Amino acid sequence: MEINPIHIHLTAFMRHNQPFRHLFREGLDTYIIRLQAEGECEALIDGQMVNVQPGDLLLFRPGEVYDLRIGEKVSPLGLSADYYVMCTGEWMDSWWNRRERPKKVRITDDGRLQSIWQQLILEKRRLDGGNTDIVEALFKALCLLLDRAIEEAPSTSSAPLLLAFKMKSFVEEHATSVFRLEDVAGHAGISVTRAVHLFKAQFGYSIMQYAGQIRLALALQLMDKSNYTLERIAEETGFGSYTYFHRVFRDRYGVAPGVYRRRG
């Protein structure tokens, strides 16, 4: 009998208006991946109930005791909300065993993660249970993005570092469009002055310098792999105009974009 490499038993986004407890005293029979999106709750980690706040990712495997408690304490952060998936399968076993998996880890807020999770939830919500290939592709993408988020998570969960990584994710997502420093700072909920300082202190370059690096990297890919005109490449990569793209490219690589392309 063929074994399904991934079996999604349940996945959803839940906002809890009432106290709730999810308890597997005898141990789980599935994996659980859970991301705290809003508010806070408590979870049993290594024998102790610990606080779980927005950005905290919970990872549990079959056989482990799982105890999640929501709403037992009044939180100033408001109602608890979370994304979760309960799953089994050979692919999941392989993914889990690639590295040590902490039961709780703080990751930065990444809209791409939540977008993939939402698509997975919607696909599984279909009356036919969703297209198996689409479900598997979305779930694998989710797990791999979680790996990256864990790898790039700051070594400490201090507020300044988390804000810096939140801004970094925003820049990566919006690098090919026109945005202002005010947009980046607003995404993190801080002033422009603080945003500029935090980003430079954490990464060693400015917000716009980082956006420029991403745009140039994409421009090089398009110049090598596509037939787009240089004017269209400038537009597609967020430079806005060929004149600006030409200046930035020449400053970085010492030659004009056209010369680089002809040499390639």
Protein backbone atom coordinates (compact mmCIF):
# COMPACT_ATOMS: atom_id res chain seq x y z
CA MET A 1 0.00 0.00 0.00
CA GLU A 2 1.34 3.42 -0.96
CA ILE A 3 2.04 5.70 2.00
CA ASN A 4 1.10 9.35 1.60
CA PRO A 5 4.32 11.37 2.15
CA ILE A 6 2.30 14.18 3.74
CA HIS A 7 -1.04 13.94 5.50
CA ILE A 8 -2.55 17.19 6.78
CA HIS A 9 -5.02 16.19 9.49
CA LEU A 10 -6.03 19.73 10.38
CA THR A 11 -4.85 23.26 9.64
CA ALA A 12 -6.53 26.57 10.48
CA PHE A 13 -6.24 30.10 11.75
CA MET A 14 -8.00 30.45 15.09
CA ARG A 15 -8.92 33.53 17.12
CA HIS A 16 -10.05 32.58 20.61
CA ASN A 17 -12.84 34.56 22.25
CA GLN A 18 -13.20 32.10 25.13
CA PRO A 19 -10.73 30.19 27.34
CA PHE A 20 -9.42 27.10 25.61
CA ARG A 21 -7.15 24.18 26.48
CA HIS A 22 -5.62 21.73 24.04
CA LEU A 23 -4.23 18.78 26.00
CA PHE A 24 -2.61 15.52 24.91
CA ARG A 25 -1.64 14.07 28.27
CA GLU A 26 -0.61 10.70 26.81
CA GLY A 27 1.33 12.24 23.93
CA LEU A 28 0.53 13.48 20.44
CA ASP A 29 -0.23 11.18 17.55
CA THR A 30 0.68 13.88 15.00
CA TYR A 31 3.20 16.66 14.55
CA ILE A 32 2.00 20.12 15.58
CA ILE A 33 3.37 23.34 14.11
CA ARG A 34 1.82 26.42 15.71
CA LEU A 35 2.60 30.13 15.24
CA GLN A 36 1.30 32.66 17.73
CA ALA A 37 -0.01 35.53 15.60
CA GLU A 38 -1.77 37.77 18.14
CA GLY A 39 -2.17 37.98 21.90
CA GLU A 40 -0.54 35.43 24.16
CA CYS A 41 -1.11 32.05 25.78
CA GLU A 42 0.80 29.40 27.73
CA ALA A 43 2.33 26.10 26.65
CA LEU A 44 4.05 23.24 28.42
CA ILE A 45 7.74 23.32 27.49
CA ASP A 46 10.15 20.89 29.15
CA GLY A 47 7.88 20.37 32.13
CA GLN A 48 7.03 24.03 32.75
CA MET A 49 4.22 26.31 31.55
CA VAL A 50 5.81 29.19 29.64
CA ASN A 51 4.38 32.32 28.07
CA VAL A 52 3.87 32.30 24.28
CA GLN A 53 3.76 35.67 22.52
CA PRO A 54 3.37 36.88 18.92
CA GLY A 55 6.17 35.49 16.78
CA ASP A 56 6.67 32.39 18.93
CA LEU A 57 6.70 29.16 16.95
CA LEU A 58 5.82 25.88 18.69
CA LEU A 59 7.09 22.58 17.27
CA PHE A 60 5.99 19.23 18.74
CA ARG A 61 6.38 15.70 17.39
CA PRO A 62 4.31 12.53 17.91
CA GLY A 63 4.64 11.03 21.38
CA GLU A 64 5.35 14.33 23.14
CA VAL A 65 3.00 15.66 25.80
CA TYR A 66 1.22 18.77 24.56
CA ASP A 67 -0.59 21.24 26.81
CA LEU A 68 -1.75 24.59 25.43
CA ARG A 69 -3.76 26.97 27.58
CA ILE A 70 -5.47 30.08 26.25
CA GLY A 71 -7.37 32.74 28.19
CA GLU A 72 -6.57 31.51 31.72
CA LYS A 73 -4.93 34.88 32.40
CA VAL A 74 -6.03 38.32 31.22
CA SER A 75 -3.51 39.57 28.65
CA PRO A 76 -2.81 43.22 27.75
CA LEU A 77 -2.05 41.95 24.23
CA GLY A 78 -5.70 41.11 23.64
CA LEU A 79 -7.27 37.98 22.19
CA SER A 80 -5.03 35.05 21.30
CA ALA A 81 -4.85 34.05 17.64
CA ASP A 82 -2.70 31.45 15.94
CA TYR A 83 -1.93 29.47 12.80
CA TYR A 84 -1.51 25.74 13.26
CA VAL A 85 -1.17 22.52 11.35
CA MET A 86 -1.40 18.93 12.60
CA CYS A 87 0.24 16.48 10.22
CA THR A 88 2.00 13.16 9.69
CA GLY A 89 3.80 11.44 6.83
CA GLU A 90 7.16 10.28 5.54
CA TRP A 91 8.15 13.69 4.19
CA MET A 92 7.36 15.26 7.56
CA ASP A 93 9.49 12.66 9.34
CA SER A 94 12.38 13.44 7.00
CA TRP A 95 11.99 17.20 7.42
CA TRP A 96 11.84 16.97 11.21
CA ASN A 97 14.96 14.80 11.43
CA ARG A 98 17.14 17.15 9.42
CA ARG A 99 18.01 19.14 12.55
CA GLU A 100 17.30 19.60 16.21
CA ARG A 101 13.86 21.12 16.64
CA PRO A 102 13.32 23.40 19.65
CA LYS A 103 9.81 23.19 21.07
CA LYS A 104 9.60 26.98 21.15
CA VAL A 105 11.52 29.52 19.08
CA ARG A 106 10.93 33.20 18.33
CA ILE A 107 10.87 34.06 14.64
CA THR A 108 10.37 37.42 13.01
CA ASP A 109 7.02 38.45 11.60
CA ASP A 110 7.10 37.42 7.95
CA GLY A 111 4.09 38.07 5.74
CA ARG A 112 5.24 35.37 3.32
CA LEU A 113 4.85 32.69 5.97
CA GLN A 114 1.33 33.74 6.82
CA SER A 115 0.42 34.04 3.14
CA ILE A 116 1.52 30.46 2.43
CA TRP A 117 -0.27 29.25 5.55
CA GLN A 118 -3.49 31.02 4.51
CA GLN A 119 -3.34 29.42 1.05
CA LEU A 120 -2.81 26.00 2.62
CA ILE A 121 -5.81 26.53 4.90
CA LEU A 122 -8.04 27.63 2.01
CA GLU A 123 -6.99 24.70 -0.17
CA LYS A 124 -7.71 22.18 2.60
CA ARG A 125 -11.08 23.86 3.23
CA ARG A 126 -12.39 22.84 -0.19
CA LEU A 127 -15.20 20.28 -0.14
CA ASP A 128 -12.99 17.76 -1.91
CA GLY A 129 -10.17 18.28 0.60
CA GLY A 130 -8.06 20.18 -1.86
CA ASN A 131 -5.75 19.14 -4.66
CA THR A 132 -3.13 16.79 -3.19
CA ASP A 133 -0.27 18.21 -5.27
CA ILE A 134 -1.15 21.79 -4.32
CA VAL A 135 -1.50 20.89 -0.64
CA GLU A 136 1.87 19.13 -0.61
CA ALA A 137 3.60 21.97 -2.46
CA LEU A 138 2.19 24.59 -0.09
CA PHE A 139 3.05 22.56 3.00
CA LYS A 140 6.62 21.91 1.84
CA ALA A 141 7.06 25.60 1.07
CA LEU A 142 5.75 26.44 4.53
CA CYS A 143 8.18 24.08 6.26
CA LEU A 144 11.16 25.32 4.25
CA LEU A 145 10.27 28.95 4.97
CA LEU A 146 10.01 28.06 8.65
CA ASP A 147 13.52 26.60 8.46
CA ARG A 148 14.80 29.86 7.02
CA ALA A 149 12.95 31.91 9.61
CA ILE A 150 14.50 29.83 12.39
CA GLU A 151 17.99 30.13 10.88
CA GLU A 152 17.64 33.89 10.55
CA ALA A 153 16.01 34.42 13.93
CA PRO A 154 18.05 36.72 16.17
CA SER A 155 20.01 34.99 18.91
CA THR A 156 18.17 37.07 21.47
CA SER A 157 14.51 38.02 21.48
CA SER A 158 15.16 41.64 22.47
CA ALA A 159 12.64 44.09 21.05
CA PRO A 160 15.18 46.11 18.99
CA LEU A 161 16.50 43.02 17.21
CA LEU A 162 13.03 41.73 16.46
CA LEU A 163 12.06 45.11 15.03
CA ALA A 164 15.17 45.14 12.85
CA PHE A 165 14.35 41.72 11.38
CA LYS A 166 10.75 42.76 10.90
CA MET A 167 11.93 45.71 8.81
CA LYS A 168 14.33 43.45 6.89
CA SER A 169 11.44 41.16 5.92
CA PHE A 170 9.42 44.18 4.77
CA VAL A 171 12.27 45.41 2.56
CA GLU A 172 12.73 41.94 1.03
CA GLU A 173 9.02 41.73 0.24
CA HIS A 174 8.73 45.23 -1.22
CA ALA A 175 12.18 45.76 -2.79
CA THR A 176 10.83 45.66 -6.34
CA SER A 177 8.27 48.38 -5.66
CA VAL A 178 8.73 51.99 -4.68
CA PHE A 179 8.59 52.53 -0.92
CA ARG A 180 9.69 55.17 1.53
CA LEU A 181 11.51 55.00 4.85
CA GLU A 182 8.20 56.00 6.42
CA ASP A 183 6.65 52.79 5.06
CA VAL A 184 9.35 50.61 6.62
CA ALA A 185 9.18 52.42 9.95
CA GLY A 186 5.39 52.29 9.95
CA HIS A 187 5.46 48.51 9.38
CA ALA A 188 7.54 48.18 12.55
CA GLY A 189 5.49 50.77 14.45
CA ILE A 190 8.43 53.05 15.19
CA SER A 191 9.74 56.44 14.06
CA VAL A 192 11.86 56.85 10.94
CA THR A 193 14.83 57.99 13.02
CA ARG A 194 14.70 54.88 15.20
CA ALA A 195 14.11 52.62 12.20
CA VAL A 196 17.19 53.96 10.40
CA HIS A 197 19.34 53.56 13.52
CA LEU A 198 18.16 50.05 14.39
CA PHE A 199 18.56 48.72 10.86
CA LYS A 200 22.08 50.12 10.43
CA ALA A 201 23.15 48.91 13.88
CA GLN A 202 21.94 45.36 13.22
CA PHE A 203 22.96 44.81 9.59
CA GLY A 204 25.77 47.30 8.94
CA TYR A 205 24.08 49.08 6.05
CA SER A 206 21.11 51.35 5.54
CA ILE A 207 17.59 50.32 4.66
CA MET A 208 17.88 51.71 1.15
CA GLN A 209 21.32 50.18 0.65
CA TYR A 210 19.82 46.78 1.44
CA ALA A 211 16.94 47.38 -0.95
CA GLY A 212 19.49 48.38 -3.60
CA GLN A 213 21.42 45.13 -3.11
CA ILE A 214 18.26 43.09 -3.63
CA ARG A 215 17.30 45.09 -6.72
CA LEU A 216 20.75 44.75 -8.26
CA ALA A 217 20.81 41.00 -7.62
CA LEU A 218 17.45 40.62 -9.35
CA ALA A 219 18.56 42.89 -12.20
CA LEU A 220 21.60 40.67 -12.81
CA GLN A 221 19.36 37.61 -12.97
CA LEU A 222 17.03 39.26 -15.48
CA MET A 223 19.92 40.50 -17.60
CA ASP A 224 21.38 36.98 -17.75
CA LYS A 225 18.17 34.94 -18.04
CA SER A 226 15.63 37.12 -19.86
CA ASN A 227 15.22 39.12 -23.04
CA TYR A 228 13.79 42.13 -21.23
CA THR A 229 15.06 45.52 -22.31
CA LEU A 230 17.22 47.35 -19.78
CA GLU A 231 14.45 49.91 -19.36
CA ARG A 232 11.98 47.17 -18.43
CA ILE A 233 14.51 45.56 -16.07
CA ALA A 234 14.90 48.91 -14.32
CA GLU A 235 11.13 49.07 -13.91
CA GLU A 236 10.66 45.43 -12.86
CA THR A 237 13.36 45.59 -10.17
CA GLY A 238 12.11 48.73 -8.46
CA PHE A 239 14.65 51.30 -9.66
CA GLY A 240 11.87 53.34 -11.25
CA SER A 241 13.88 54.75 -14.14
CA TYR A 242 16.67 53.53 -16.38
CA THR A 243 18.73 56.62 -15.57
CA TYR A 244 18.77 55.78 -11.87
CA PHE A 245 19.38 52.09 -12.58
CA HIS A 246 22.29 52.98 -14.88
CA ARG A 247 23.92 55.16 -12.22
CA VAL A 248 23.54 52.64 -9.40
CA PHE A 249 24.70 49.73 -11.55
CA ARG A 250 27.76 51.61 -12.80
CA ASP A 251 28.70 52.72 -9.29
CA ARG A 252 28.47 49.12 -8.05
CA TYR A 253 30.05 47.17 -10.91
CA GLY A 254 32.18 49.76 -12.70
CA VAL A 255 30.48 49.32 -16.07
CA ALA A 256 27.18 50.38 -17.60
CA PRO A 257 24.36 47.80 -17.70
CA GLY A 258 24.52 47.63 -21.48
CA VAL A 259 28.25 46.93 -21.45
CA TYR A 260 27.80 44.22 -18.81
CA ARG A 261 25.10 42.55 -20.88
CA ARG A 262 27.12 42.60 -24.09
CA ARG A 263 30.09 41.05 -22.30
CA GLY A 264 27.81 38.35 -20.91
